[in-house]
Amino acid sequence: MSCITPDGKLTESAKKILGATKDLTTPEEISKVTGIPLFRVRSSLRELGDAGLLEKIDGKFRRTVSGEEKLKG
């Protein structure tokens, strides 16, 4: 399941995941907060990271400036 639509918009699950990553957090914490299954959170984190919207630090994730802008816009 893609996190970014062909026209460049975030899906609802991507918005939830980015919303849960203001501070460094683990995939397990994101899953718990959003209610999205862990396997989907992990695949979404990879996709959002590849798009430059999240960064990974010591196994935890937080949104980048680009991710913040994308979430708002």
N, C-alpha and C. Protein backbone atom coordinates (compact mmCIF):
# COMPACT_ATOMS: atom_id res chain seq x y z
N MET A 1 0.84 -1.19 0.00
CA MET A 1 0.00 0.00 0.00
C MET A 1 0.88 1.25 0.00
N SER A 2 0.62 2.13 -0.91
CA SER A 2 1.43 3.32 -1.06
C SER A 2 1.01 4.40 -0.05
N CYS A 3 1.99 5.16 0.40
CA CYS A 3 1.73 6.25 1.34
C CYS A 3 1.50 7.58 0.63
N ILE A 4 1.96 7.63 -0.61
CA ILE A 4 1.85 8.86 -1.37
C ILE A 4 1.11 8.53 -2.66
N THR A 5 0.04 9.26 -2.92
CA THR A 5 -0.76 9.01 -4.10
C THR A 5 -0.02 9.45 -5.35
N PRO A 6 -0.46 9.00 -6.53
CA PRO A 6 0.22 9.41 -7.77
C PRO A 6 0.27 10.92 -7.97
N ASP A 7 -0.70 11.64 -7.40
CA ASP A 7 -0.66 13.11 -7.54
C ASP A 7 0.13 13.80 -6.42
N GLY A 8 0.85 13.00 -5.60
CA GLY A 8 1.75 13.56 -4.61
C GLY A 8 1.16 13.83 -3.24
N LYS A 9 -0.08 13.44 -3.03
CA LYS A 9 -0.72 13.67 -1.73
C LYS A 9 -0.48 12.48 -0.79
N LEU A 10 -0.51 12.77 0.50
CA LEU A 10 -0.36 11.72 1.50
C LEU A 10 -1.67 10.98 1.70
N THR A 11 -1.59 9.66 1.89
CA THR A 11 -2.77 8.89 2.25
C THR A 11 -3.11 9.18 3.71
N GLU A 12 -4.29 8.76 4.13
CA GLU A 12 -4.70 8.98 5.53
C GLU A 12 -3.75 8.26 6.49
N SER A 13 -3.34 7.05 6.16
CA SER A 13 -2.42 6.33 7.05
C SER A 13 -1.07 7.03 7.11
N ALA A 14 -0.60 7.57 6.01
CA ALA A 14 0.67 8.30 6.01
C ALA A 14 0.56 9.55 6.89
N LYS A 15 -0.58 10.23 6.83
CA LYS A 15 -0.77 11.41 7.68
C LYS A 15 -0.74 11.02 9.16
N LYS A 16 -1.37 9.89 9.49
CA LYS A 16 -1.35 9.43 10.89
C LYS A 16 0.07 9.11 11.34
N ILE A 17 0.82 8.44 10.48
CA ILE A 17 2.19 8.06 10.84
C ILE A 17 3.06 9.30 10.98
N LEU A 18 2.99 10.21 10.03
CA LEU A 18 3.77 11.44 10.16
C LEU A 18 3.35 12.24 11.39
N GLY A 19 2.06 12.23 11.68
CA GLY A 19 1.57 12.93 12.87
C GLY A 19 2.11 12.36 14.16
N ALA A 20 2.43 11.08 14.14
CA ALA A 20 2.95 10.40 15.35
C ALA A 20 4.46 10.49 15.47
N THR A 21 5.11 11.17 14.53
CA THR A 21 6.58 11.19 14.52
C THR A 21 7.16 12.58 14.70
N LYS A 22 6.51 13.38 15.49
CA LYS A 22 7.07 14.71 15.78
C LYS A 22 8.40 14.57 16.52
N ASP A 23 8.42 13.68 17.50
CA ASP A 23 9.64 13.38 18.25
C ASP A 23 10.10 11.98 17.86
N LEU A 24 11.33 11.65 18.21
CA LEU A 24 11.84 10.31 17.91
C LEU A 24 10.96 9.26 18.55
N THR A 25 10.54 8.30 17.77
CA THR A 25 9.65 7.26 18.27
C THR A 25 9.88 5.96 17.51
N THR A 26 9.53 4.85 18.12
CA THR A 26 9.75 3.54 17.52
C THR A 26 8.55 3.13 16.67
N PRO A 27 8.75 2.18 15.76
CA PRO A 27 7.63 1.67 14.98
C PRO A 27 6.52 1.10 15.88
N GLU A 28 6.90 0.45 16.95
CA GLU A 28 5.92 -0.12 17.87
C GLU A 28 5.05 0.97 18.51
N GLU A 29 5.69 2.07 18.91
CA GLU A 29 4.94 3.19 19.50
C GLU A 29 4.00 3.81 18.47
N ILE A 30 4.47 3.95 17.24
CA ILE A 30 3.65 4.52 16.17
C ILE A 30 2.43 3.64 15.94
N SER A 31 2.64 2.34 15.89
CA SER A 31 1.54 1.39 15.69
C SER A 31 0.51 1.52 16.81
N LYS A 32 0.99 1.60 18.03
CA LYS A 32 0.09 1.70 19.18
C LYS A 32 -0.73 2.99 19.15
N VAL A 33 -0.08 4.10 18.84
CA VAL A 33 -0.74 5.40 18.83
C VAL A 33 -1.74 5.53 17.67
N THR A 34 -1.36 5.02 16.51
CA THR A 34 -2.19 5.20 15.31
C THR A 34 -3.23 4.10 15.11
N GLY A 35 -2.99 2.92 15.71
CA GLY A 35 -3.87 1.79 15.48
C GLY A 35 -3.61 1.08 14.16
N ILE A 36 -2.52 1.46 13.49
CA ILE A 36 -2.14 0.83 12.22
C ILE A 36 -1.27 -0.38 12.56
N PRO A 37 -1.54 -1.53 11.91
CA PRO A 37 -0.74 -2.73 12.19
C PRO A 37 0.76 -2.48 12.00
N LEU A 38 1.56 -3.10 12.85
CA LEU A 38 3.00 -2.89 12.85
C LEU A 38 3.63 -3.17 11.49
N PHE A 39 3.21 -4.24 10.81
CA PHE A 39 3.81 -4.55 9.51
C PHE A 39 3.57 -3.41 8.51
N ARG A 40 2.40 -2.78 8.58
CA ARG A 40 2.11 -1.67 7.68
C ARG A 40 2.88 -0.42 8.09
N VAL A 41 3.03 -0.19 9.39
CA VAL A 41 3.82 0.95 9.86
C VAL A 41 5.25 0.82 9.35
N ARG A 42 5.82 -0.37 9.48
CA ARG A 42 7.22 -0.56 9.04
C ARG A 42 7.39 -0.30 7.55
N SER A 43 6.48 -0.81 6.74
CA SER A 43 6.61 -0.58 5.29
C SER A 43 6.39 0.90 4.96
N SER A 44 5.48 1.53 5.66
CA SER A 44 5.23 2.96 5.44
C SER A 44 6.42 3.80 5.86
N LEU A 45 7.06 3.43 6.96
CA LEU A 45 8.24 4.16 7.41
C LEU A 45 9.34 4.12 6.36
N ARG A 46 9.51 2.95 5.74
CA ARG A 46 10.52 2.84 4.66
C ARG A 46 10.16 3.77 3.50
N GLU A 47 8.91 3.73 3.09
CA GLU A 47 8.49 4.55 1.96
C GLU A 47 8.61 6.05 2.28
N LEU A 48 8.15 6.44 3.45
CA LEU A 48 8.23 7.85 3.84
C LEU A 48 9.68 8.29 4.01
N GLY A 49 10.52 7.39 4.50
CA GLY A 49 11.96 7.70 4.61
C GLY A 49 12.59 7.87 3.24
N ASP A 50 12.26 6.97 2.31
CA ASP A 50 12.79 7.07 0.94
C ASP A 50 12.36 8.37 0.27
N ALA A 51 11.19 8.87 0.64
CA ALA A 51 10.68 10.12 0.08
C ALA A 51 11.26 11.35 0.78
N GLY A 52 12.07 11.12 1.83
CA GLY A 52 12.70 12.23 2.54
C GLY A 52 11.81 12.90 3.57
N LEU A 53 10.71 12.24 3.93
CA LEU A 53 9.76 12.83 4.88
C LEU A 53 10.02 12.41 6.32
N LEU A 54 10.82 11.35 6.50
CA LEU A 54 11.20 10.87 7.83
C LEU A 54 12.70 10.61 7.85
N GLU A 55 13.27 10.67 9.03
CA GLU A 55 14.65 10.26 9.21
C GLU A 55 14.71 9.21 10.31
N LYS A 56 15.67 8.32 10.19
CA LYS A 56 15.84 7.25 11.17
C LYS A 56 17.11 7.50 11.96
N ILE A 57 16.99 7.46 13.27
CA ILE A 57 18.12 7.66 14.16
C ILE A 57 18.07 6.59 15.24
N ASP A 58 19.06 5.72 15.24
CA ASP A 58 19.14 4.66 16.25
C ASP A 58 17.85 3.85 16.38
N GLY A 59 17.26 3.48 15.24
CA GLY A 59 16.07 2.65 15.25
C GLY A 59 14.77 3.39 15.55
N LYS A 60 14.84 4.70 15.70
CA LYS A 60 13.65 5.51 15.94
C LYS A 60 13.47 6.48 14.77
N PHE A 61 12.28 6.99 14.64
CA PHE A 61 11.95 7.84 13.50
C PHE A 61 11.39 9.17 13.95
N ARG A 62 11.65 10.19 13.13
CA ARG A 62 10.99 11.49 13.31
C ARG A 62 10.87 12.14 11.95
N ARG A 63 9.89 13.02 11.84
CA ARG A 63 9.69 13.65 10.54
C ARG A 63 10.74 14.72 10.29
N THR A 64 11.03 14.90 9.04
CA THR A 64 11.98 15.93 8.61
C THR A 64 11.22 17.24 8.38
N VAL A 65 11.95 18.27 8.04
CA VAL A 65 11.31 19.54 7.69
C VAL A 65 10.39 19.32 6.49
N SER A 66 10.84 18.54 5.52
CA SER A 66 9.99 18.22 4.36
C SER A 66 8.74 17.48 4.79
N GLY A 67 8.89 16.55 5.74
CA GLY A 67 7.74 15.82 6.24
C GLY A 67 6.76 16.72 6.96
N GLU A 68 7.28 17.67 7.70
CA GLU A 68 6.43 18.65 8.40
C GLU A 68 5.64 19.48 7.39
N GLU A 69 6.32 19.93 6.34
CA GLU A 69 5.66 20.74 5.31
C GLU A 69 4.60 19.93 4.57
N LYS A 70 4.94 18.69 4.24
CA LYS A 70 4.00 17.82 3.52
C LYS A 70 2.76 17.54 4.37
N LEU A 71 2.96 17.36 5.66
CA LEU A 71 1.86 17.09 6.58
C LEU A 71 0.91 18.29 6.66
N LYS A 72 1.46 19.47 6.64
CA LYS A 72 0.65 20.70 6.74
C LYS A 72 -0.06 21.00 5.43
N GLY A 73 0.57 20.60 4.32
CA GLY A 73 0.07 21.09 3.07
C GLY A 73 -0.67 20.25 2.18
